[in-house]
N, C-alpha and C. Protein backbone atom coordinates (compact mmCIF):
# COMPACT_ATOMS: atom_id res chain seq x y z
N GLY A 1 0.73 -1.20 0.00
CA GLY A 1 0.00 0.00 0.00
C GLY A 1 0.77 1.28 0.00
N MET A 2 1.55 1.56 1.04
CA MET A 2 2.18 2.87 1.18
C MET A 2 3.59 2.92 0.63
N GLY A 3 4.14 1.79 0.25
CA GLY A 3 5.51 1.78 -0.27
C GLY A 3 6.52 1.67 0.85
N TYR A 4 7.71 1.30 0.47
CA TYR A 4 8.79 1.09 1.43
C TYR A 4 9.54 2.39 1.72
N THR A 5 9.78 2.66 2.97
CA THR A 5 10.73 3.69 3.41
C THR A 5 11.56 3.06 4.53
N GLU A 6 12.66 3.70 4.88
CA GLU A 6 13.51 3.15 5.94
C GLU A 6 12.76 3.08 7.27
N ASN A 7 11.68 3.84 7.42
CA ASN A 7 10.93 3.79 8.67
C ASN A 7 10.21 2.46 8.86
N VAL A 8 10.06 1.68 7.78
CA VAL A 8 9.55 0.32 7.91
C VAL A 8 10.55 -0.48 8.74
N ASP A 9 11.83 -0.27 8.48
CA ASP A 9 12.87 -0.96 9.24
C ASP A 9 12.89 -0.51 10.69
N VAL A 10 12.58 0.76 10.94
CA VAL A 10 12.52 1.27 12.32
C VAL A 10 11.42 0.52 13.07
N TRP A 11 10.27 0.32 12.42
CA TRP A 11 9.19 -0.46 13.03
C TRP A 11 9.69 -1.87 13.36
N SER A 12 10.37 -2.50 12.41
CA SER A 12 10.86 -3.87 12.61
C SER A 12 11.84 -3.94 13.78
N VAL A 13 12.77 -3.00 13.83
CA VAL A 13 13.74 -2.97 14.93
C VAL A 13 13.01 -2.70 16.25
N GLY A 14 12.01 -1.83 16.22
CA GLY A 14 11.21 -1.57 17.42
C GLY A 14 10.51 -2.83 17.91
N CYS A 15 9.97 -3.62 16.98
CA CYS A 15 9.33 -4.89 17.36
C CYS A 15 10.34 -5.84 17.98
N ILE A 16 11.51 -5.94 17.37
CA ILE A 16 12.56 -6.82 17.90
C ILE A 16 13.01 -6.34 19.28
N PHE A 17 13.20 -5.03 19.42
CA PHE A 17 13.59 -4.45 20.70
C PHE A 17 12.52 -4.77 21.75
N GLY A 18 11.26 -4.55 21.40
CA GLY A 18 10.16 -4.85 22.32
C GLY A 18 10.12 -6.31 22.70
N GLU A 19 10.39 -7.19 21.73
CA GLU A 19 10.40 -8.62 22.00
C GLU A 19 11.55 -9.00 22.92
N MET A 20 12.68 -8.32 22.77
CA MET A 20 13.82 -8.58 23.66
C MET A 20 13.47 -8.15 25.08
N VAL A 21 12.80 -7.03 25.22
CA VAL A 21 12.41 -6.54 26.55
C VAL A 21 11.38 -7.46 27.17
N ARG A 22 10.35 -7.80 26.41
CA ARG A 22 9.25 -8.63 26.94
C ARG A 22 9.62 -10.11 27.05
N GLY A 23 10.54 -10.55 26.21
CA GLY A 23 10.88 -11.97 26.18
C GLY A 23 9.87 -12.78 25.41
N LYS A 24 9.04 -12.12 24.62
CA LYS A 24 8.05 -12.81 23.78
C LYS A 24 7.61 -11.87 22.66
N ILE A 25 6.91 -12.44 21.69
CA ILE A 25 6.45 -11.66 20.54
C ILE A 25 5.50 -10.57 21.01
N VAL A 26 5.70 -9.37 20.52
CA VAL A 26 4.90 -8.22 20.95
C VAL A 26 3.50 -8.25 20.33
N PHE A 27 3.40 -8.47 19.05
CA PHE A 27 2.11 -8.44 18.35
C PHE A 27 1.84 -9.80 17.71
N ARG A 28 1.69 -10.83 18.53
CA ARG A 28 1.49 -12.18 18.00
C ARG A 28 0.08 -12.28 17.42
N GLY A 29 0.03 -12.62 16.13
CA GLY A 29 -1.26 -12.83 15.47
C GLY A 29 -1.24 -14.13 14.69
N ASN A 30 -2.41 -14.69 14.48
CA ASN A 30 -2.52 -15.94 13.73
C ASN A 30 -2.36 -15.72 12.23
N ASP A 31 -2.64 -14.51 11.78
CA ASP A 31 -2.49 -14.12 10.37
C ASP A 31 -2.36 -12.60 10.35
N HIS A 32 -2.23 -12.01 9.15
CA HIS A 32 -1.98 -10.57 9.09
C HIS A 32 -3.15 -9.74 9.62
N ILE A 33 -4.36 -10.23 9.49
CA ILE A 33 -5.52 -9.49 10.01
C ILE A 33 -5.53 -9.55 11.54
N ASP A 34 -5.31 -10.74 12.08
CA ASP A 34 -5.26 -10.89 13.53
C ASP A 34 -4.10 -10.08 14.12
N GLN A 35 -2.99 -10.07 13.41
CA GLN A 35 -1.84 -9.30 13.88
C GLN A 35 -2.17 -7.81 13.89
N TRP A 36 -2.83 -7.33 12.85
CA TRP A 36 -3.24 -5.91 12.81
C TRP A 36 -4.12 -5.60 14.01
N ASN A 37 -5.06 -6.49 14.32
CA ASN A 37 -5.94 -6.28 15.46
C ASN A 37 -5.14 -6.20 16.76
N LYS A 38 -4.13 -7.06 16.90
CA LYS A 38 -3.28 -7.02 18.10
C LYS A 38 -2.54 -5.68 18.19
N ILE A 39 -2.07 -5.20 17.06
CA ILE A 39 -1.33 -3.93 17.03
C ILE A 39 -2.24 -2.79 17.49
N ILE A 40 -3.44 -2.69 16.90
CA ILE A 40 -4.29 -1.54 17.27
C ILE A 40 -4.87 -1.68 18.67
N GLU A 41 -5.06 -2.92 19.14
CA GLU A 41 -5.52 -3.10 20.52
C GLU A 41 -4.48 -2.55 21.50
N GLN A 42 -3.20 -2.79 21.21
CA GLN A 42 -2.14 -2.36 22.12
C GLN A 42 -1.73 -0.90 21.92
N LEU A 43 -1.63 -0.47 20.65
CA LEU A 43 -1.13 0.88 20.36
C LEU A 43 -2.23 1.90 20.12
N GLY A 44 -3.43 1.43 19.88
CA GLY A 44 -4.55 2.33 19.63
C GLY A 44 -4.88 2.44 18.15
N THR A 45 -6.10 2.84 17.88
CA THR A 45 -6.56 3.02 16.51
C THR A 45 -5.79 4.18 15.89
N PRO A 46 -5.29 4.01 14.66
CA PRO A 46 -4.53 5.08 14.03
C PRO A 46 -5.39 6.32 13.71
N SER A 47 -4.71 7.42 13.48
CA SER A 47 -5.38 8.70 13.21
C SER A 47 -6.07 8.70 11.85
N GLN A 48 -7.00 9.63 11.68
CA GLN A 48 -7.68 9.81 10.40
C GLN A 48 -6.69 10.18 9.31
N ASP A 49 -5.68 10.94 9.66
CA ASP A 49 -4.65 11.33 8.69
C ASP A 49 -3.98 10.09 8.10
N PHE A 50 -3.68 9.12 8.95
CA PHE A 50 -3.09 7.86 8.50
C PHE A 50 -4.10 7.09 7.65
N MET A 51 -5.34 7.03 8.12
CA MET A 51 -6.38 6.28 7.42
C MET A 51 -6.57 6.77 5.99
N LYS A 52 -6.46 8.07 5.78
CA LYS A 52 -6.65 8.65 4.44
C LYS A 52 -5.64 8.10 3.45
N ARG A 53 -4.48 7.67 3.93
CA ARG A 53 -3.43 7.18 3.04
C ARG A 53 -3.56 5.69 2.73
N LEU A 54 -4.49 5.01 3.37
CA LEU A 54 -4.69 3.59 3.14
C LEU A 54 -5.48 3.36 1.85
N GLN A 55 -5.29 2.20 1.26
CA GLN A 55 -6.09 1.83 0.10
C GLN A 55 -7.55 1.74 0.56
N PRO A 56 -8.51 2.09 -0.31
CA PRO A 56 -9.92 2.14 0.10
C PRO A 56 -10.43 0.88 0.79
N THR A 57 -10.08 -0.30 0.29
CA THR A 57 -10.60 -1.52 0.91
C THR A 57 -10.01 -1.72 2.31
N VAL A 58 -8.73 -1.39 2.46
CA VAL A 58 -8.08 -1.51 3.77
C VAL A 58 -8.67 -0.46 4.72
N ARG A 59 -8.82 0.76 4.23
CA ARG A 59 -9.39 1.85 5.04
C ARG A 59 -10.78 1.46 5.53
N ASN A 60 -11.59 0.91 4.65
CA ASN A 60 -12.95 0.50 5.02
C ASN A 60 -12.91 -0.53 6.13
N TYR A 61 -12.00 -1.51 6.02
CA TYR A 61 -11.88 -2.53 7.06
C TYR A 61 -11.48 -1.89 8.39
N VAL A 62 -10.44 -1.05 8.36
CA VAL A 62 -9.91 -0.45 9.60
C VAL A 62 -10.96 0.46 10.24
N GLU A 63 -11.66 1.24 9.42
CA GLU A 63 -12.65 2.17 9.97
C GLU A 63 -13.86 1.45 10.57
N ASN A 64 -14.10 0.21 10.14
CA ASN A 64 -15.22 -0.55 10.67
C ASN A 64 -14.85 -1.45 11.84
N ARG A 65 -13.62 -1.37 12.27
CA ARG A 65 -13.16 -2.10 13.46
C ARG A 65 -13.52 -1.30 14.69
N PRO A 66 -13.61 -1.96 15.84
CA PRO A 66 -13.80 -1.19 17.08
C PRO A 66 -12.64 -0.21 17.27
N LYS A 67 -12.91 0.90 17.89
CA LYS A 67 -11.87 1.91 18.17
C LYS A 67 -11.20 1.56 19.50
N TYR A 68 -9.87 1.65 19.51
CA TYR A 68 -9.09 1.34 20.70
C TYR A 68 -8.24 2.54 21.10
N ALA A 69 -8.18 2.80 22.39
CA ALA A 69 -7.33 3.88 22.90
C ALA A 69 -5.88 3.43 22.97
N GLY A 70 -5.66 2.13 23.08
CA GLY A 70 -4.30 1.62 23.25
C GLY A 70 -3.88 1.73 24.70
N TYR A 71 -2.72 1.20 24.99
CA TYR A 71 -2.18 1.22 26.35
C TYR A 71 -0.97 2.14 26.40
N SER A 72 -0.67 2.62 27.58
CA SER A 72 0.54 3.42 27.76
C SER A 72 1.75 2.50 27.61
N PHE A 73 2.86 3.07 27.24
CA PHE A 73 4.08 2.26 27.12
C PHE A 73 4.57 1.81 28.49
N GLU A 74 4.17 2.52 29.56
CA GLU A 74 4.49 2.07 30.92
C GLU A 74 3.77 0.75 31.21
N LYS A 75 2.55 0.60 30.68
CA LYS A 75 1.80 -0.65 30.87
C LYS A 75 2.33 -1.73 29.93
N LEU A 76 2.65 -1.37 28.67
CA LEU A 76 3.14 -2.35 27.70
C LEU A 76 4.53 -2.86 28.08
N PHE A 77 5.35 -1.97 28.64
CA PHE A 77 6.74 -2.32 28.99
C PHE A 77 7.05 -1.82 30.40
N PRO A 78 6.50 -2.49 31.43
CA PRO A 78 6.71 -2.03 32.81
C PRO A 78 8.17 -2.16 33.26
N ASP A 79 8.52 -1.38 34.28
CA ASP A 79 9.89 -1.35 34.80
C ASP A 79 10.43 -2.74 35.11
N VAL A 80 9.59 -3.64 35.59
CA VAL A 80 10.05 -4.96 36.00
C VAL A 80 10.68 -5.75 34.83
N LEU A 81 10.36 -5.37 33.59
CA LEU A 81 10.93 -6.07 32.43
C LEU A 81 12.36 -5.63 32.11
N PHE A 82 12.79 -4.54 32.70
CA PHE A 82 14.11 -3.99 32.38
C PHE A 82 15.12 -4.33 33.47
N PRO A 83 16.40 -4.41 33.09
CA PRO A 83 17.43 -4.60 34.12
C PRO A 83 17.52 -3.35 34.99
N ALA A 84 18.19 -3.48 36.11
CA ALA A 84 18.39 -2.33 36.99
C ALA A 84 19.11 -1.23 36.22
N GLU A 85 18.97 0.00 36.71
CA GLU A 85 19.61 1.14 36.06
C GLU A 85 21.10 0.88 35.86
N SER A 86 21.57 1.17 34.67
CA SER A 86 22.97 0.91 34.33
C SER A 86 23.88 1.88 35.07
N THR A 87 24.98 1.34 35.59
CA THR A 87 25.97 2.21 36.24
C THR A 87 27.01 2.68 35.24
N GLU A 88 27.01 2.07 34.06
CA GLU A 88 27.88 2.53 32.98
C GLU A 88 26.98 3.08 31.89
N HIS A 89 27.53 3.47 30.79
CA HIS A 89 26.75 3.97 29.65
C HIS A 89 25.77 5.06 30.04
N ASN A 90 26.22 6.03 30.81
CA ASN A 90 25.41 7.21 31.09
C ASN A 90 24.13 6.88 31.86
N LYS A 91 24.19 5.86 32.70
CA LYS A 91 23.04 5.47 33.54
C LYS A 91 21.76 5.29 32.72
N LEU A 92 21.78 4.32 31.83
CA LEU A 92 20.61 4.02 31.01
C LEU A 92 19.44 3.63 31.91
N LYS A 93 18.27 4.11 31.55
CA LYS A 93 17.08 3.89 32.36
C LYS A 93 15.98 3.22 31.55
N ALA A 94 15.11 2.51 32.25
CA ALA A 94 13.94 1.90 31.61
C ALA A 94 13.11 2.98 30.92
N SER A 95 13.00 4.15 31.54
CA SER A 95 12.20 5.23 30.94
C SER A 95 12.76 5.66 29.59
N GLN A 96 14.09 5.62 29.44
CA GLN A 96 14.70 5.97 28.14
C GLN A 96 14.38 4.90 27.10
N ALA A 97 14.46 3.64 27.49
CA ALA A 97 14.15 2.55 26.56
C ALA A 97 12.68 2.63 26.15
N ARG A 98 11.80 2.88 27.12
CA ARG A 98 10.37 3.02 26.82
C ARG A 98 10.11 4.19 25.88
N ASP A 99 10.81 5.30 26.11
CA ASP A 99 10.65 6.46 25.24
C ASP A 99 11.03 6.11 23.80
N LEU A 100 12.14 5.41 23.64
CA LEU A 100 12.57 5.00 22.30
C LEU A 100 11.55 4.06 21.68
N LEU A 101 11.09 3.08 22.44
CA LEU A 101 10.06 2.16 21.94
C LEU A 101 8.80 2.91 21.51
N SER A 102 8.42 3.92 22.31
CA SER A 102 7.20 4.67 21.99
C SER A 102 7.35 5.48 20.71
N LYS A 103 8.57 5.76 20.31
CA LYS A 103 8.82 6.50 19.07
C LYS A 103 9.04 5.58 17.88
N MET A 104 9.44 4.34 18.15
CA MET A 104 9.65 3.36 17.08
C MET A 104 8.36 2.62 16.72
N LEU A 105 7.57 2.32 17.73
CA LEU A 105 6.33 1.56 17.52
C LEU A 105 5.15 2.50 17.32
N VAL A 106 5.25 3.30 16.29
CA VAL A 106 4.19 4.23 15.89
C VAL A 106 3.63 3.70 14.58
N ILE A 107 2.34 3.47 14.54
CA ILE A 107 1.73 2.88 13.35
C ILE A 107 1.97 3.73 12.11
N ASP A 108 1.82 5.03 12.23
CA ASP A 108 1.98 5.93 11.08
C ASP A 108 3.47 6.14 10.82
N PRO A 109 3.99 5.64 9.69
CA PRO A 109 5.43 5.79 9.44
C PRO A 109 5.88 7.24 9.30
N TYR A 110 4.97 8.15 8.96
CA TYR A 110 5.34 9.57 8.84
C TYR A 110 5.56 10.20 10.21
N LYS A 111 5.02 9.58 11.25
CA LYS A 111 5.17 10.11 12.61
C LYS A 111 6.19 9.32 13.43
N ARG A 112 6.72 8.26 12.84
CA ARG A 112 7.69 7.39 13.49
C ARG A 112 9.07 8.06 13.50
N ILE A 113 9.86 7.76 14.49
CA ILE A 113 11.22 8.27 14.58
C ILE A 113 12.02 7.80 13.36
N THR A 114 12.92 8.64 12.88
CA THR A 114 13.77 8.26 11.75
C THR A 114 14.99 7.51 12.27
N VAL A 115 15.72 6.89 11.37
CA VAL A 115 16.95 6.19 11.74
C VAL A 115 17.93 7.18 12.38
N ASP A 116 18.13 8.33 11.75
CA ASP A 116 19.08 9.32 12.29
C ASP A 116 18.65 9.81 13.67
N GLN A 117 17.35 10.04 13.85
CA GLN A 117 16.87 10.46 15.18
C GLN A 117 17.07 9.35 16.20
N ALA A 118 16.82 8.12 15.80
CA ALA A 118 16.99 6.99 16.72
C ALA A 118 18.46 6.85 17.14
N LEU A 119 19.37 7.06 16.20
CA LEU A 119 20.80 6.97 16.54
C LEU A 119 21.23 8.04 17.54
N GLN A 120 20.53 9.15 17.56
CA GLN A 120 20.85 10.23 18.50
C GLN A 120 20.05 10.13 19.81
N HIS A 121 19.13 9.19 19.89
CA HIS A 121 18.32 9.03 21.10
C HIS A 121 19.23 8.65 22.27
N PRO A 122 18.96 9.18 23.48
CA PRO A 122 19.82 8.90 24.63
C PRO A 122 20.02 7.42 24.95
N TYR A 123 19.05 6.57 24.59
CA TYR A 123 19.20 5.15 24.89
C TYR A 123 20.14 4.46 23.90
N VAL A 124 20.33 5.03 22.74
CA VAL A 124 21.16 4.42 21.70
C VAL A 124 22.49 5.13 21.57
N ASN A 125 22.48 6.43 21.74
CA ASN A 125 23.64 7.22 21.34
C ASN A 125 24.90 6.95 22.15
N VAL A 126 24.78 6.24 23.28
CA VAL A 126 25.99 5.86 24.04
C VAL A 126 26.84 4.87 23.25
N TRP A 127 26.23 4.18 22.30
CA TRP A 127 26.96 3.22 21.47
C TRP A 127 27.21 3.75 20.06
N TYR A 128 26.73 4.93 19.78
CA TYR A 128 26.82 5.48 18.43
C TYR A 128 28.27 5.80 18.07
N ASP A 129 28.69 5.30 16.94
CA ASP A 129 30.03 5.58 16.43
C ASP A 129 29.88 6.05 14.99
N PRO A 130 30.10 7.34 14.74
CA PRO A 130 29.90 7.87 13.38
C PRO A 130 30.68 7.12 12.32
N SER A 131 31.84 6.59 12.66
CA SER A 131 32.63 5.89 11.65
C SER A 131 31.93 4.62 11.16
N GLU A 132 31.10 4.02 12.02
CA GLU A 132 30.35 2.84 11.60
C GLU A 132 29.18 3.21 10.69
N VAL A 133 28.58 4.36 10.95
CA VAL A 133 27.40 4.78 10.20
C VAL A 133 27.78 5.51 8.91
N GLU A 134 28.77 6.34 9.01
CA GLU A 134 29.13 7.20 7.88
C GLU A 134 30.33 6.68 7.09
N GLY A 135 30.72 5.44 7.34
CA GLY A 135 31.86 4.85 6.66
C GLY A 135 31.55 4.61 5.19
N PRO A 136 32.56 4.19 4.47
CA PRO A 136 32.33 3.94 3.04
C PRO A 136 31.37 2.77 2.83
N ALA A 137 30.63 2.86 1.77
CA ALA A 137 29.69 1.78 1.43
C ALA A 137 30.48 0.53 1.10
N PRO A 138 29.93 -0.63 1.41
CA PRO A 138 30.64 -1.87 1.05
C PRO A 138 30.67 -2.03 -0.46
N ILE A 139 31.67 -2.78 -0.91
CA ILE A 139 31.75 -3.02 -2.35
C ILE A 139 30.56 -3.89 -2.74
N PRO A 140 30.05 -3.70 -3.94
CA PRO A 140 28.89 -4.52 -4.35
C PRO A 140 29.24 -6.00 -4.35
N TYR A 141 28.30 -6.79 -3.93
CA TYR A 141 28.49 -8.24 -3.87
C TYR A 141 28.45 -8.82 -5.28
N ASP A 142 29.36 -9.72 -5.57
CA ASP A 142 29.42 -10.38 -6.87
C ASP A 142 28.56 -11.64 -6.83
N HIS A 143 27.35 -11.55 -7.35
CA HIS A 143 26.41 -12.67 -7.32
C HIS A 143 26.78 -13.78 -8.29
N SER A 144 27.70 -13.52 -9.19
CA SER A 144 28.03 -14.54 -10.20
C SER A 144 28.60 -15.80 -9.55
N ILE A 145 29.24 -15.65 -8.40
CA ILE A 145 29.80 -16.82 -7.72
C ILE A 145 28.70 -17.79 -7.28
N ASP A 146 27.53 -17.24 -6.94
CA ASP A 146 26.41 -18.07 -6.50
C ASP A 146 25.71 -18.77 -7.65
N GLU A 147 25.90 -18.25 -8.83
CA GLU A 147 25.21 -18.78 -10.00
C GLU A 147 25.94 -19.99 -10.60
N ARG A 148 27.17 -20.23 -10.18
CA ARG A 148 27.94 -21.37 -10.69
C ARG A 148 27.82 -22.54 -9.73
N GLU A 149 28.00 -23.72 -10.26
CA GLU A 149 28.00 -24.93 -9.44
C GLU A 149 29.40 -25.12 -8.84
N HIS A 150 29.44 -25.46 -7.55
CA HIS A 150 30.72 -25.71 -6.87
C HIS A 150 30.59 -26.97 -6.03
N THR A 151 31.68 -27.69 -5.93
CA THR A 151 31.72 -28.84 -5.02
C THR A 151 31.88 -28.30 -3.60
N VAL A 152 31.68 -29.16 -2.63
CA VAL A 152 31.87 -28.77 -1.24
C VAL A 152 33.30 -28.27 -1.02
N GLU A 153 34.27 -28.97 -1.59
CA GLU A 153 35.67 -28.56 -1.44
C GLU A 153 35.92 -27.18 -2.06
N GLN A 154 35.32 -26.93 -3.21
CA GLN A 154 35.47 -25.61 -3.84
C GLN A 154 34.85 -24.51 -2.97
N TRP A 155 33.68 -24.80 -2.40
CA TRP A 155 33.06 -23.82 -1.50
C TRP A 155 33.95 -23.54 -0.30
N LYS A 156 34.50 -24.60 0.28
CA LYS A 156 35.40 -24.42 1.43
C LYS A 156 36.58 -23.53 1.04
N ASP A 157 37.15 -23.77 -0.11
CA ASP A 157 38.29 -22.98 -0.59
C ASP A 157 37.88 -21.53 -0.83
N LEU A 158 36.75 -21.31 -1.44
CA LEU A 158 36.26 -19.94 -1.70
C LEU A 158 36.02 -19.18 -0.38
N ILE A 159 35.40 -19.86 0.58
CA ILE A 159 35.14 -19.23 1.87
C ILE A 159 36.44 -18.93 2.59
N TYR A 160 37.38 -19.88 2.58
CA TYR A 160 38.67 -19.67 3.22
C TYR A 160 39.38 -18.46 2.62
N LYS A 161 39.42 -18.38 1.29
CA LYS A 161 40.07 -17.25 0.62
C LYS A 161 39.39 -15.93 0.98
N GLU A 162 38.07 -15.93 1.09
CA GLU A 162 37.33 -14.72 1.45
C GLU A 162 37.69 -14.26 2.85
N VAL A 163 37.80 -15.22 3.79
CA VAL A 163 38.16 -14.88 5.17
C VAL A 163 39.59 -14.35 5.23
N VAL A 164 40.51 -15.00 4.55
CA VAL A 164 41.91 -14.54 4.52
C VAL A 164 42.00 -13.14 3.94
N ASP A 165 41.29 -12.89 2.86
CA ASP A 165 41.29 -11.57 2.23
C ASP A 165 40.74 -10.52 3.20
N TYR A 166 39.67 -10.86 3.90
CA TYR A 166 39.07 -9.93 4.86
C TYR A 166 40.05 -9.62 6.00
N VAL A 167 40.68 -10.66 6.54
CA VAL A 167 41.63 -10.47 7.64
C VAL A 167 42.81 -9.62 7.19
N GLN A 168 43.31 -9.84 6.00
CA GLN A 168 44.42 -9.03 5.50
C GLN A 168 44.02 -7.57 5.37
N LYS A 169 42.84 -7.30 4.85
CA LYS A 169 42.36 -5.92 4.75
C LYS A 169 42.21 -5.30 6.14
N LEU A 170 41.74 -6.09 7.08
CA LEU A 170 41.56 -5.63 8.45
C LEU A 170 42.91 -5.31 9.09
N LEU A 171 43.87 -6.20 8.90
CA LEU A 171 45.20 -6.01 9.50
C LEU A 171 45.96 -4.84 8.89
N TYR A 172 45.77 -4.61 7.62
CA TYR A 172 46.52 -3.55 6.94
C TYR A 172 45.74 -2.25 6.83
N GLY A 173 44.71 -2.12 7.69
CA GLY A 173 44.04 -0.83 7.82
C GLY A 173 43.06 -0.47 6.73
N LYS A 174 42.65 -1.41 5.92
CA LYS A 174 41.70 -1.07 4.87
C LYS A 174 40.26 -1.28 5.33
N LEU A 175 40.06 -1.88 6.51
CA LEU A 175 38.73 -2.07 7.07
C LEU A 175 38.76 -1.66 8.53
N PRO A 176 37.72 -0.97 9.01
CA PRO A 176 37.66 -0.68 10.46
C PRO A 176 37.25 -1.91 11.22
N LEU A 177 37.72 -2.06 12.44
CA LEU A 177 37.27 -3.14 13.31
C LEU A 177 35.84 -2.83 13.71
N ILE A 178 34.93 -3.73 13.51
CA ILE A 178 33.52 -3.50 13.82
C ILE A 178 33.35 -3.44 15.32
N GLY A 179 32.63 -2.40 15.77
CA GLY A 179 32.32 -2.27 17.19
C GLY A 179 33.47 -1.82 18.05
N ASN A 180 34.57 -1.39 17.44
CA ASN A 180 35.71 -0.94 18.23
C ASN A 180 36.15 0.41 17.71
N SER A 181 35.58 1.47 18.27
CA SER A 181 35.85 2.81 17.75
C SER A 181 37.28 3.26 18.00
N ALA A 182 37.96 2.61 18.95
CA ALA A 182 39.36 3.00 19.23
C ALA A 182 40.27 2.68 18.07
N SER A 183 39.93 1.63 17.32
CA SER A 183 40.82 1.25 16.23
C SER A 183 40.38 1.79 14.88
N ALA A 184 39.20 2.39 14.85
CA ALA A 184 38.67 2.89 13.56
C ALA A 184 39.26 4.24 13.21
């Protein structure tokens, strides 16, 4: 319906984050319609502005569903689900995680937090390393290797050579160490 934007990925990461906090699926549905119902029951019925952008048949279905106020994020993700306040990383708090979740799990993608905003959010930005985000794009993957037939031994050799090549680039400064800003 609405097309892909990177904010679709923000929703997905928000769902995964919520599932990590809860320890279970956040919007478990038996099918896409049941899942939609679970989403609006928990987050509330979307705004009319959002509804206007839906395809007519989808809009008709959504508008004829019961209206839900949704629950507060304090109820959806209570303090008991979070670890104690962090003594490192700028004293991360459950309230910060909940705030981020409340900005990621927004039904309307136009009102959802962007990737750049999420990276600057206090709950995330303690791990933010600009060199990881703004680094050079990876070289395009050569799909031709996948299109040829290889024996198991040939695959092992190809993978070994790829790892050796990667390690050499890493050792000679052509690749940053992932997750280690001191060496980047």
